[in-house]
Amino acid sequence: MIMPTPSPSSSKTPPAWLCEFPKKDPWSRPFAESLLTHLDLQEGLTILDVNCGDGIPAFYLAHRVGSAGQVLAIDVSEGQLIRARAVQGPYFPWLEFRREDVKQLSEHLGRFDRITGNLSFMFFRPDREMALHQLLSFLKPGGQLVLTFPSLGTFDSLWQRVDQEMLARGLTAERGNFAEYVAERPSAKDARRWLKSGGLERIEVTEYPLEVKTGAGNEFLYHPLLRGGFLDDVYECFAEQHLAESFMQRIAADTTSFVPLIAQRCVMSGWAL
């Protein structure tokens, strides 16, 4: 595993805000906090953080393992990695952000004491079990894997309202597409089964509810936690986008029928033999 060589300026003490989770992050932070409740973290560990995004929780992990440890944070998006490196600046020389696809990892990555991924498991598709098993090949014997994801059951009240509206409007093809989308969401049961098939032991799969608050109309349609990755999937069920817009405007006017919106923060953890 190739890690960056410390430079003289990189010995600077990092600011406190870089060692903590951002306070104004209502999505990544709660999932990262649930990840840490299951992660056995100590100084000197080597950690692979997959689908690291902008660096939550990579910066925190680097702070905790200290200069005796190493953290390799990977993501397929070069744009997110550029932002993460810009935030990192001269701090944590034992933390490297590198472009890698979790489904096609380089065999030269090395092996790690811990493998983590906050909100990463959704991106293991289409074959999550195969991608998970490949990832486990980079875990040292006695090492721990901890991943978080919004599991099946997340925003169920909204999906039921969408399905009812499609049924009422006779949108047969769109409803079929939507049913496939909902069924594709991984469940806690799936996670437990895939960890077991990967040969892990001391398996724990736990869900923590998280309420996402929203108002009606555009506040709902352009909610930063809903539009990217959730509502967009509903739009994709429609061949005609003007019909999708009309449909979603109706849903947005009726938020009282499906709030509160509850996400299920699922944490999957297991240990290699």
C-alpha atoms as a PDB file:
ATOM      1  CA  MET A   1       0.000   0.000   0.000  1.00  0.00           C
ATOM      2  CA  ILE A   2       1.602   3.267  -1.162  1.00  0.00           C
ATOM      3  CA  MET A   3       0.981   6.164   1.214  1.00  0.00           C
ATOM      4  CA  PRO A   4       2.159   9.784   0.879  1.00  0.00           C
ATOM      5  CA  THR A   5       5.510  10.784   2.361  1.00  0.00           C
ATOM      6  CA  PRO A   6       5.146  13.405   5.119  1.00  0.00           C
ATOM      7  CA  SER A   7       6.420  16.854   4.199  1.00  0.00           C
ATOM      8  CA  PRO A   8       7.827  19.343   6.735  1.00  0.00           C
ATOM      9  CA  SER A   9       4.632  21.416   6.625  1.00  0.00           C
ATOM     10  CA  SER A  10       2.418  18.359   7.210  1.00  0.00           C
ATOM     11  CA  SER A  11       3.461  18.146  10.863  1.00  0.00           C
ATOM     12  CA  LYS A  12       1.173  21.071  11.644  1.00  0.00           C
ATOM     13  CA  THR A  13      -1.474  20.472  14.283  1.00  0.00           C
ATOM     14  CA  PRO A  14      -4.839  20.182  12.483  1.00  0.00           C
ATOM     15  CA  PRO A  15      -7.628  22.569  13.478  1.00  0.00           C
ATOM     16  CA  ALA A  16     -10.286  21.153  15.775  1.00  0.00           C
ATOM     17  CA  TRP A  17     -13.017  21.354  13.121  1.00  0.00           C
ATOM     18  CA  LEU A  18     -11.052  18.990  10.862  1.00  0.00           C
ATOM     19  CA  CYS A  19     -10.948  16.348  13.613  1.00  0.00           C
ATOM     20  CA  GLU A  20     -14.724  16.356  14.100  1.00  0.00           C
ATOM     21  CA  PHE A  21     -17.793  15.707  11.979  1.00  0.00           C
ATOM     22  CA  PRO A  22     -19.288  18.826  10.329  1.00  0.00           C
ATOM     23  CA  LYS A  23     -22.093  20.105  12.538  1.00  0.00           C
ATOM     24  CA  LYS A  24     -24.199  21.242   9.558  1.00  0.00           C
ATOM     25  CA  ASP A  25     -24.476  17.915   7.792  1.00  0.00           C
ATOM     26  CA  PRO A  26     -27.892  16.396   8.546  1.00  0.00           C
ATOM     27  CA  TRP A  27     -27.318  13.289   6.412  1.00  0.00           C
ATOM     28  CA  SER A  28     -23.718  12.017   6.401  1.00  0.00           C
ATOM     29  CA  ARG A  29     -23.037  12.914  10.023  1.00  0.00           C
ATOM     30  CA  PRO A  30     -25.812  10.782  11.620  1.00  0.00           C
ATOM     31  CA  PHE A  31     -24.767   7.781   9.536  1.00  0.00           C
ATOM     32  CA  ALA A  32     -21.096   8.316  10.423  1.00  0.00           C
ATOM     33  CA  GLU A  33     -21.976   8.563  14.110  1.00  0.00           C
ATOM     34  CA  SER A  34     -23.834   5.244  13.905  1.00  0.00           C
ATOM     35  CA  LEU A  35     -20.810   3.730  12.132  1.00  0.00           C
ATOM     36  CA  LEU A  36     -18.559   4.727  15.028  1.00  0.00           C
ATOM     37  CA  THR A  37     -20.800   3.009  17.573  1.00  0.00           C
ATOM     38  CA  HIS A  38     -19.761  -0.296  15.974  1.00  0.00           C
ATOM     39  CA  LEU A  39     -16.192   0.428  14.823  1.00  0.00           C
ATOM     40  CA  ASP A  40     -13.364  -0.754  17.063  1.00  0.00           C
ATOM     41  CA  LEU A  41     -11.024   2.216  16.599  1.00  0.00           C
ATOM     42  CA  GLN A  42      -7.552   2.700  18.088  1.00  0.00           C
ATOM     43  CA  GLU A  43      -4.229   4.326  17.317  1.00  0.00           C
ATOM     44  CA  GLY A  44      -1.918   2.757  14.753  1.00  0.00           C
ATOM     45  CA  LEU A  45      -4.565   0.994  12.662  1.00  0.00           C
ATOM     46  CA  THR A  46      -4.559   0.821   8.867  1.00  0.00           C
ATOM     47  CA  ILE A  47      -7.984   1.718   7.444  1.00  0.00           C
ATOM     48  CA  LEU A  48      -9.532   1.566   3.978  1.00  0.00           C
ATOM     49  CA  ASP A  49     -12.473   3.986   3.706  1.00  0.00           C
ATOM     50  CA  VAL A  50     -14.541   3.249   0.585  1.00  0.00           C
ATOM     51  CA  ASN A  51     -16.735   5.713  -1.316  1.00  0.00           C
ATOM     52  CA  CYS A  52     -15.322   8.395   0.948  1.00  0.00           C
ATOM     53  CA  GLY A  53     -16.972  11.376  -0.758  1.00  0.00           C
ATOM     54  CA  ASP A  54     -15.818  14.665   0.738  1.00  0.00           C
ATOM     55  CA  GLY A  55     -14.124  12.973   3.687  1.00  0.00           C
ATOM     56  CA  ILE A  56     -16.770  12.003   6.244  1.00  0.00           C
ATOM     57  CA  PRO A  57     -15.552  10.127   8.255  1.00  0.00           C
ATOM     58  CA  ALA A  58     -12.033   9.889   6.706  1.00  0.00           C
ATOM     59  CA  PHE A  59     -10.670  12.975   8.480  1.00  0.00           C
ATOM     60  CA  TYR A  60     -12.014  11.781  11.819  1.00  0.00           C
ATOM     61  CA  LEU A  61     -10.514   8.323  11.271  1.00  0.00           C
ATOM     62  CA  ALA A  62      -7.124   9.844  10.440  1.00  0.00           C
ATOM     63  CA  HIS A  63      -7.259  11.895  13.631  1.00  0.00           C
ATOM     64  CA  ARG A  64      -8.054   8.813  15.707  1.00  0.00           C
ATOM     65  CA  VAL A  65      -5.427   6.438  14.280  1.00  0.00           C
ATOM     66  CA  GLY A  66      -2.715   9.090  14.549  1.00  0.00           C
ATOM     67  CA  SER A  67       0.580   9.296  12.712  1.00  0.00           C
ATOM     68  CA  ALA A  68       1.360   5.667  13.550  1.00  0.00           C
ATOM     69  CA  GLY A  69      -1.644   4.600  11.473  1.00  0.00           C
ATOM     70  CA  GLN A  70      -2.653   4.945   7.831  1.00  0.00           C
ATOM     71  CA  VAL A  71      -5.954   5.777   6.156  1.00  0.00           C
ATOM     72  CA  LEU A  72      -6.604   5.258   2.450  1.00  0.00           C
ATOM     73  CA  ALA A  73      -9.861   6.937   1.393  1.00  0.00           C
ATOM     74  CA  ILE A  74     -11.131   6.001  -2.057  1.00  0.00           C
ATOM     75  CA  ASP A  75     -13.921   7.226  -4.312  1.00  0.00           C
ATOM     76  CA  VAL A  76     -14.755   6.978  -8.006  1.00  0.00           C
ATOM     77  CA  SER A  77     -15.554  10.712  -8.212  1.00  0.00           C
ATOM     78  CA  GLU A  78     -12.434  12.786  -8.859  1.00  0.00           C
ATOM     79  CA  GLY A  79     -14.429  15.962  -8.122  1.00  0.00           C
ATOM     80  CA  GLN A  80     -15.195  14.838  -4.582  1.00  0.00           C
ATOM     81  CA  LEU A  81     -11.592  13.768  -4.060  1.00  0.00           C
ATOM     82  CA  ILE A  82     -10.343  17.176  -5.185  1.00  0.00           C
ATOM     83  CA  ARG A  83     -12.607  18.849  -2.641  1.00  0.00           C
ATOM     84  CA  ALA A  84     -11.459  16.450   0.092  1.00  0.00           C
ATOM     85  CA  ARG A  85      -7.788  17.119  -0.680  1.00  0.00           C
ATOM     86  CA  ALA A  86      -8.416  20.855  -0.630  1.00  0.00           C
ATOM     87  CA  VAL A  87      -9.951  20.588   2.835  1.00  0.00           C
ATOM     88  CA  GLN A  88      -7.100  18.340   4.003  1.00  0.00           C
ATOM     89  CA  GLY A  89      -4.386  20.809   3.056  1.00  0.00           C
ATOM     90  CA  PRO A  90      -1.108  20.047   4.885  1.00  0.00           C
ATOM     91  CA  TYR A  91      -2.714  17.996   7.636  1.00  0.00           C
ATOM     92  CA  PHE A  92      -2.792  14.225   8.232  1.00  0.00           C
ATOM     93  CA  PRO A  93       0.001  13.085   5.861  1.00  0.00           C
ATOM     94  CA  TRP A  94      -0.941   9.507   6.746  1.00  0.00           C
ATOM     95  CA  LEU A  95      -4.321  10.067   5.019  1.00  0.00           C
ATOM     96  CA  GLU A  96      -4.441   9.621   1.247  1.00  0.00           C
ATOM     97  CA  PHE A  97      -7.415  10.304  -1.037  1.00  0.00           C
ATOM     98  CA  ARG A  98      -7.224   8.140  -4.165  1.00  0.00           C
ATOM     99  CA  ARG A  99      -9.507   7.457  -7.125  1.00  0.00           C
ATOM    100  CA  GLU A 100     -10.675   3.834  -7.128  1.00  0.00           C
ATOM    101  CA  ASP A 101     -13.883   2.022  -8.105  1.00  0.00           C
ATOM    102  CA  VAL A 102     -15.074  -0.176  -5.239  1.00  0.00           C
ATOM    103  CA  LYS A 103     -16.315  -2.752  -7.774  1.00  0.00           C
ATOM    104  CA  GLN A 104     -12.920  -2.960  -9.523  1.00  0.00           C
ATOM    105  CA  LEU A 105     -10.322  -2.385  -6.827  1.00  0.00           C
ATOM    106  CA  SER A 106      -6.631  -2.499  -7.651  1.00  0.00           C
ATOM    107  CA  GLU A 107      -5.021  -5.690  -6.359  1.00  0.00           C
ATOM    108  CA  HIS A 108      -2.084  -3.581  -5.124  1.00  0.00           C
ATOM    109  CA  LEU A 109      -4.071  -1.754  -2.446  1.00  0.00           C
ATOM    110  CA  GLY A 110      -2.681  -3.948   0.319  1.00  0.00           C
ATOM    111  CA  ARG A 111      -4.596  -5.283   3.309  1.00  0.00           C
ATOM    112  CA  PHE A 112      -6.130  -3.353   6.169  1.00  0.00           C
ATOM    113  CA  ASP A 113      -7.032  -3.700   9.849  1.00  0.00           C
ATOM    114  CA  ARG A 114     -10.362  -1.999   9.243  1.00  0.00           C
ATOM    115  CA  ILE A 115     -12.529  -1.374   6.195  1.00  0.00           C
ATOM    116  CA  THR A 116     -15.206   1.286   6.528  1.00  0.00           C
ATOM    117  CA  GLY A 117     -17.710   2.970   4.270  1.00  0.00           C
ATOM    118  CA  ASN A 118     -20.243   5.598   5.267  1.00  0.00           C
ATOM    119  CA  LEU A 119     -23.318   5.539   3.021  1.00  0.00           C
ATOM    120  CA  SER A 120     -21.253   3.492   0.595  1.00  0.00           C
ATOM    121  CA  PHE A 121     -23.094   0.201   0.319  1.00  0.00           C
ATOM    122  CA  MET A 122     -25.732   1.646  -2.038  1.00  0.00           C
ATOM    123  CA  PHE A 123     -22.997   2.106  -4.649  1.00  0.00           C
ATOM    124  CA  PHE A 124     -22.000  -1.564  -4.625  1.00  0.00           C
ATOM    125  CA  ARG A 125     -24.793  -2.341  -7.092  1.00  0.00           C
ATOM    126  CA  PRO A 126     -25.745  -4.120  -9.280  1.00  0.00           C
ATOM    127  CA  ASP A 127     -24.212  -7.165  -7.519  1.00  0.00           C
ATOM    128  CA  ARG A 128     -23.652  -6.024  -3.936  1.00  0.00           C
ATOM    129  CA  GLU A 129     -22.752  -9.462  -2.645  1.00  0.00           C
ATOM    130  CA  MET A 130     -19.970  -9.899  -5.203  1.00  0.00           C
ATOM    131  CA  ALA A 131     -18.611  -6.389  -4.581  1.00  0.00           C
ATOM    132  CA  LEU A 132     -18.675  -7.005  -0.834  1.00  0.00           C
ATOM    133  CA  HIS A 133     -16.782 -10.271  -1.159  1.00  0.00           C
ATOM    134  CA  GLN A 134     -14.147  -8.590  -3.315  1.00  0.00           C
ATOM    135  CA  LEU A 135     -13.773  -5.871  -0.698  1.00  0.00           C
ATOM    136  CA  LEU A 136     -13.295  -8.470   2.049  1.00  0.00           C
ATOM    137  CA  SER A 137     -10.209  -9.803   0.260  1.00  0.00           C
ATOM    138  CA  PHE A 138      -8.441  -6.598   1.395  1.00  0.00           C
ATOM    139  CA  LEU A 139      -9.247  -7.190   5.081  1.00  0.00           C
ATOM    140  CA  LYS A 140      -6.525  -8.638   7.294  1.00  0.00           C
ATOM    141  CA  PRO A 141      -7.244 -11.747   9.411  1.00  0.00           C
ATOM    142  CA  GLY A 142      -8.805 -10.484  12.618  1.00  0.00           C
ATOM    143  CA  GLY A 143      -9.821  -7.238  10.901  1.00  0.00           C
ATOM    144  CA  GLN A 144     -13.227  -5.555  11.037  1.00  0.00           C
ATOM    145  CA  LEU A 145     -15.589  -4.347   8.296  1.00  0.00           C
ATOM    146  CA  VAL A 146     -18.183  -1.661   9.100  1.00  0.00           C
ATOM    147  CA  LEU A 147     -20.491  -0.153   6.449  1.00  0.00           C
ATOM    148  CA  THR A 148     -23.568   2.067   6.710  1.00  0.00           C
ATOM    149  CA  PHE A 149     -26.451   2.538   4.286  1.00  0.00           C
ATOM    150  CA  PRO A 150     -30.123   3.587   4.237  1.00  0.00           C
ATOM    151  CA  SER A 151     -31.816   0.190   4.326  1.00  0.00           C
ATOM    152  CA  LEU A 152     -35.083  -1.082   2.922  1.00  0.00           C
ATOM    153  CA  GLY A 153     -37.836   0.630   4.896  1.00  0.00           C
ATOM    154  CA  THR A 154     -36.297   4.080   4.470  1.00  0.00           C
ATOM    155  CA  PHE A 155     -39.057   6.568   3.555  1.00  0.00           C
ATOM    156  CA  ASP A 156     -41.655   3.772   3.351  1.00  0.00           C
ATOM    157  CA  SER A 157     -44.529   6.189   3.959  1.00  0.00           C
ATOM    158  CA  LEU A 158     -43.479   8.251   0.920  1.00  0.00           C
ATOM    159  CA  TRP A 159     -43.081   5.209  -1.317  1.00  0.00           C
ATOM    160  CA  GLN A 160     -46.537   3.966  -0.317  1.00  0.00           C
ATOM    161  CA  ARG A 161     -47.996   7.364  -1.252  1.00  0.00           C
ATOM    162  CA  VAL A 162     -46.197   7.280  -4.614  1.00  0.00           C
ATOM    163  CA  ASP A 163     -47.477   3.776  -5.316  1.00  0.00           C
ATOM    164  CA  GLN A 164     -51.058   4.752  -4.400  1.00  0.00           C
ATOM    165  CA  GLU A 165     -50.946   7.752  -6.742  1.00  0.00           C
ATOM    166  CA  MET A 166     -49.569   5.659  -9.613  1.00  0.00           C
ATOM    167  CA  LEU A 167     -52.307   3.078  -9.062  1.00  0.00           C
ATOM    168  CA  ALA A 168     -55.013   5.758  -8.961  1.00  0.00           C
ATOM    169  CA  ARG A 169     -53.754   7.284 -12.229  1.00  0.00           C
ATOM    170  CA  GLY A 170     -53.406   3.951 -14.004  1.00  0.00           C
ATOM    171  CA  LEU A 171     -49.668   4.381 -14.512  1.00  0.00           C
ATOM    172  CA  THR A 172     -49.004   0.674 -15.009  1.00  0.00           C
ATOM    173  CA  ALA A 173     -45.567   0.840 -16.634  1.00  0.00           C
ATOM    174  CA  GLU A 174     -44.338   3.514 -14.234  1.00  0.00           C
ATOM    175  CA  ARG A 175     -45.634   1.532 -11.271  1.00  0.00           C
ATOM    176  CA  GLY A 176     -43.772  -1.553 -12.473  1.00  0.00           C
ATOM    177  CA  ASN A 177     -40.556   0.458 -12.774  1.00  0.00           C
ATOM    178  CA  PHE A 178     -41.128   1.866  -9.315  1.00  0.00           C
ATOM    179  CA  ALA A 179     -41.681  -1.581  -7.778  1.00  0.00           C
ATOM    180  CA  GLU A 180     -38.321  -2.702  -9.191  1.00  0.00           C
ATOM    181  CA  TYR A 181     -36.632   0.377  -7.718  1.00  0.00           C
ATOM    182  CA  VAL A 182     -38.033  -0.249  -4.221  1.00  0.00           C
ATOM    183  CA  ALA A 183     -37.197  -3.964  -4.330  1.00  0.00           C
ATOM    184  CA  GLU A 184     -33.598  -3.134  -5.267  1.00  0.00           C
ATOM    185  CA  ARG A 185     -32.984  -1.408  -1.930  1.00  0.00           C
ATOM    186  CA  PRO A 186     -30.866  -3.662   0.341  1.00  0.00           C
ATOM    187  CA  SER A 187     -32.368  -4.746   3.643  1.00  0.00           C
ATOM    188  CA  ALA A 188     -30.810  -5.494   7.013  1.00  0.00           C
ATOM    189  CA  LYS A 189     -31.600  -9.149   6.317  1.00  0.00           C
ATOM    190  CA  ASP A 190     -29.676  -8.974   3.032  1.00  0.00           C
ATOM    191  CA  ALA A 191     -26.685  -7.399   4.781  1.00  0.00           C
ATOM    192  CA  ARG A 192     -26.592 -10.113   7.438  1.00  0.00           C
ATOM    193  CA  ARG A 193     -26.789 -12.853   4.813  1.00  0.00           C
ATOM    194  CA  TRP A 194     -24.015 -11.326   2.671  1.00  0.00           C
ATOM    195  CA  LEU A 195     -21.687 -10.873   5.635  1.00  0.00           C
ATOM    196  CA  LYS A 196     -22.230 -14.513   6.577  1.00  0.00           C
ATOM    197  CA  SER A 197     -21.592 -15.727   3.013  1.00  0.00           C
ATOM    198  CA  GLY A 198     -18.388 -13.662   3.064  1.00  0.00           C
ATOM    199  CA  GLY A 199     -17.094 -15.792   5.940  1.00  0.00           C
ATOM    200  CA  LEU A 200     -17.230 -13.106   8.643  1.00  0.00           C
ATOM    201  CA  GLU A 201     -17.950 -13.782  12.295  1.00  0.00           C
ATOM    202  CA  ARG A 202     -19.314 -11.714  15.207  1.00  0.00           C
ATOM    203  CA  ILE A 203     -21.783 -10.225  12.740  1.00  0.00           C
ATOM    204  CA  GLU A 204     -23.949  -7.296  13.824  1.00  0.00           C
ATOM    205  CA  VAL A 205     -26.561  -5.563  11.658  1.00  0.00           C
ATOM    206  CA  THR A 206     -28.436  -2.769  13.412  1.00  0.00           C
ATOM    207  CA  GLU A 207     -30.907  -0.118  12.262  1.00  0.00           C
ATOM    208  CA  TYR A 208     -31.283   3.338  13.797  1.00  0.00           C
ATOM    209  CA  PRO A 209     -34.262   5.512  12.746  1.00  0.00           C
ATOM    210  CA  LEU A 210     -33.602   9.064  11.547  1.00  0.00           C
ATOM    211  CA  GLU A 211     -36.347  11.600  10.842  1.00  0.00           C
ATOM    212  CA  VAL A 212     -35.902  13.850   7.821  1.00  0.00           C
ATOM    213  CA  LYS A 213     -38.067  16.957   8.096  1.00  0.00           C
ATOM    214  CA  THR A 214     -39.606  18.734   5.133  1.00  0.00           C
ATOM    215  CA  GLY A 215     -42.402  21.067   4.157  1.00  0.00           C
ATOM    216  CA  ALA A 216     -44.631  20.908   1.088  1.00  0.00           C
ATOM    217  CA  GLY A 217     -44.115  22.057  -2.486  1.00  0.00           C
ATOM    218  CA  ASN A 218     -40.646  23.022  -3.639  1.00  0.00           C
ATOM    219  CA  GLU A 219     -39.225  22.538  -0.145  1.00  0.00           C
ATOM    220  CA  PHE A 220     -39.993  18.853  -0.596  1.00  0.00           C
ATOM    221  CA  LEU A 221     -39.175  18.578  -4.310  1.00  0.00           C
ATOM    222  CA  TYR A 222     -35.752  20.187  -3.906  1.00  0.00           C
ATOM    223  CA  HIS A 223     -34.905  18.975  -0.439  1.00  0.00           C
ATOM    224  CA  PRO A 224     -31.119  18.347  -0.465  1.00  0.00           C
ATOM    225  CA  LEU A 225     -31.474  14.989   1.284  1.00  0.00           C
ATOM    226  CA  LEU A 226     -34.344  13.755  -0.854  1.00  0.00           C
ATOM    227  CA  ARG A 227     -33.751  14.949  -4.411  1.00  0.00           C
ATOM    228  CA  GLY A 228     -30.358  13.369  -4.883  1.00  0.00           C
ATOM    229  CA  GLY A 229     -30.661   9.587  -4.826  1.00  0.00           C
ATOM    230  CA  PHE A 230     -34.282   9.251  -3.700  1.00  0.00           C
ATOM    231  CA  LEU A 231     -36.779  11.483  -5.509  1.00  0.00           C
ATOM    232  CA  ASP A 232     -34.690  11.360  -8.676  1.00  0.00           C
ATOM    233  CA  ASP A 233     -35.292   7.618  -8.780  1.00  0.00           C
ATOM    234  CA  VAL A 234     -39.045   8.270  -8.945  1.00  0.00           C
ATOM    235  CA  TYR A 235     -38.576  10.650 -11.871  1.00  0.00           C
ATOM    236  CA  GLU A 236     -36.599   7.959 -13.676  1.00  0.00           C
ATOM    237  CA  CYS A 237     -39.631   5.663 -13.591  1.00  0.00           C
ATOM    238  CA  PHE A 238     -41.295   7.916 -16.166  1.00  0.00           C
ATOM    239  CA  ALA A 239     -40.541   7.928 -19.896  1.00  0.00           C
ATOM    240  CA  GLU A 240     -42.139  11.381 -20.240  1.00  0.00           C
ATOM    241  CA  GLN A 241     -40.645  13.949 -17.864  1.00  0.00           C
ATOM    242  CA  HIS A 242     -43.541  16.399 -18.140  1.00  0.00           C
ATOM    243  CA  LEU A 243     -45.747  13.623 -16.723  1.00  0.00           C
ATOM    244  CA  ALA A 244     -43.201  13.001 -13.982  1.00  0.00           C
ATOM    245  CA  GLU A 245     -43.226  16.702 -13.064  1.00  0.00           C
ATOM    246  CA  SER A 246     -47.014  16.796 -12.865  1.00  0.00           C
ATOM    247  CA  PHE A 247     -47.061  13.607 -10.808  1.00  0.00           C
ATOM    248  CA  MET A 248     -44.449  14.820  -8.330  1.00  0.00           C
ATOM    249  CA  GLN A 249     -46.147  18.205  -7.941  1.00  0.00           C
ATOM    250  CA  ARG A 250     -49.216  16.299  -6.731  1.00  0.00           C
ATOM    251  CA  ILE A 251     -47.141  14.315  -4.255  1.00  0.00           C
ATOM    252  CA  ALA A 252     -45.408  17.491  -3.048  1.00  0.00           C
ATOM    253  CA  ALA A 253     -48.765  19.129  -2.327  1.00  0.00           C
ATOM    254  CA  ASP A 254     -49.760  16.239  -0.059  1.00  0.00           C
ATOM    255  CA  THR A 255     -46.783  15.855   2.296  1.00  0.00           C
ATOM    256  CA  THR A 256     -49.058  15.604   5.340  1.00  0.00           C
ATOM    257  CA  SER A 257     -50.066  12.126   4.127  1.00  0.00           C
ATOM    258  CA  PHE A 258     -46.547  10.724   4.466  1.00  0.00           C
ATOM    259  CA  VAL A 259     -44.678  12.747   7.095  1.00  0.00           C
ATOM    260  CA  PRO A 260     -42.811  12.061   9.286  1.00  0.00           C
ATOM    261  CA  LEU A 261     -40.247  10.737   6.836  1.00  0.00           C
ATOM    262  CA  ILE A 262     -38.115   8.100   8.536  1.00  0.00           C
ATOM    263  CA  ALA A 263     -34.793   6.847   7.198  1.00  0.00           C
ATOM    264  CA  GLN A 264     -33.301   3.644   8.540  1.00  0.00           C
ATOM    265  CA  ARG A 265     -29.585   4.045   9.265  1.00  0.00           C
ATOM    266  CA  CYS A 266     -28.322   0.505   8.903  1.00  0.00           C
ATOM    267  CA  VAL A 267     -24.882  -0.460  10.225  1.00  0.00           C
ATOM    268  CA  MET A 268     -23.390  -3.784   9.126  1.00  0.00           C
ATOM    269  CA  SER A 269     -20.332  -5.071  10.961  1.00  0.00           C
ATOM    270  CA  GLY A 270     -18.311  -8.264  10.970  1.00  0.00           C
ATOM    271  CA  TRP A 271     -14.852  -9.630  11.729  1.00  0.00           C
ATOM    272  CA  ALA A 272     -12.545 -11.676   9.513  1.00  0.00           C
ATOM    273  CA  LEU A 273     -11.264 -15.017  10.770  1.00  0.00           C
END
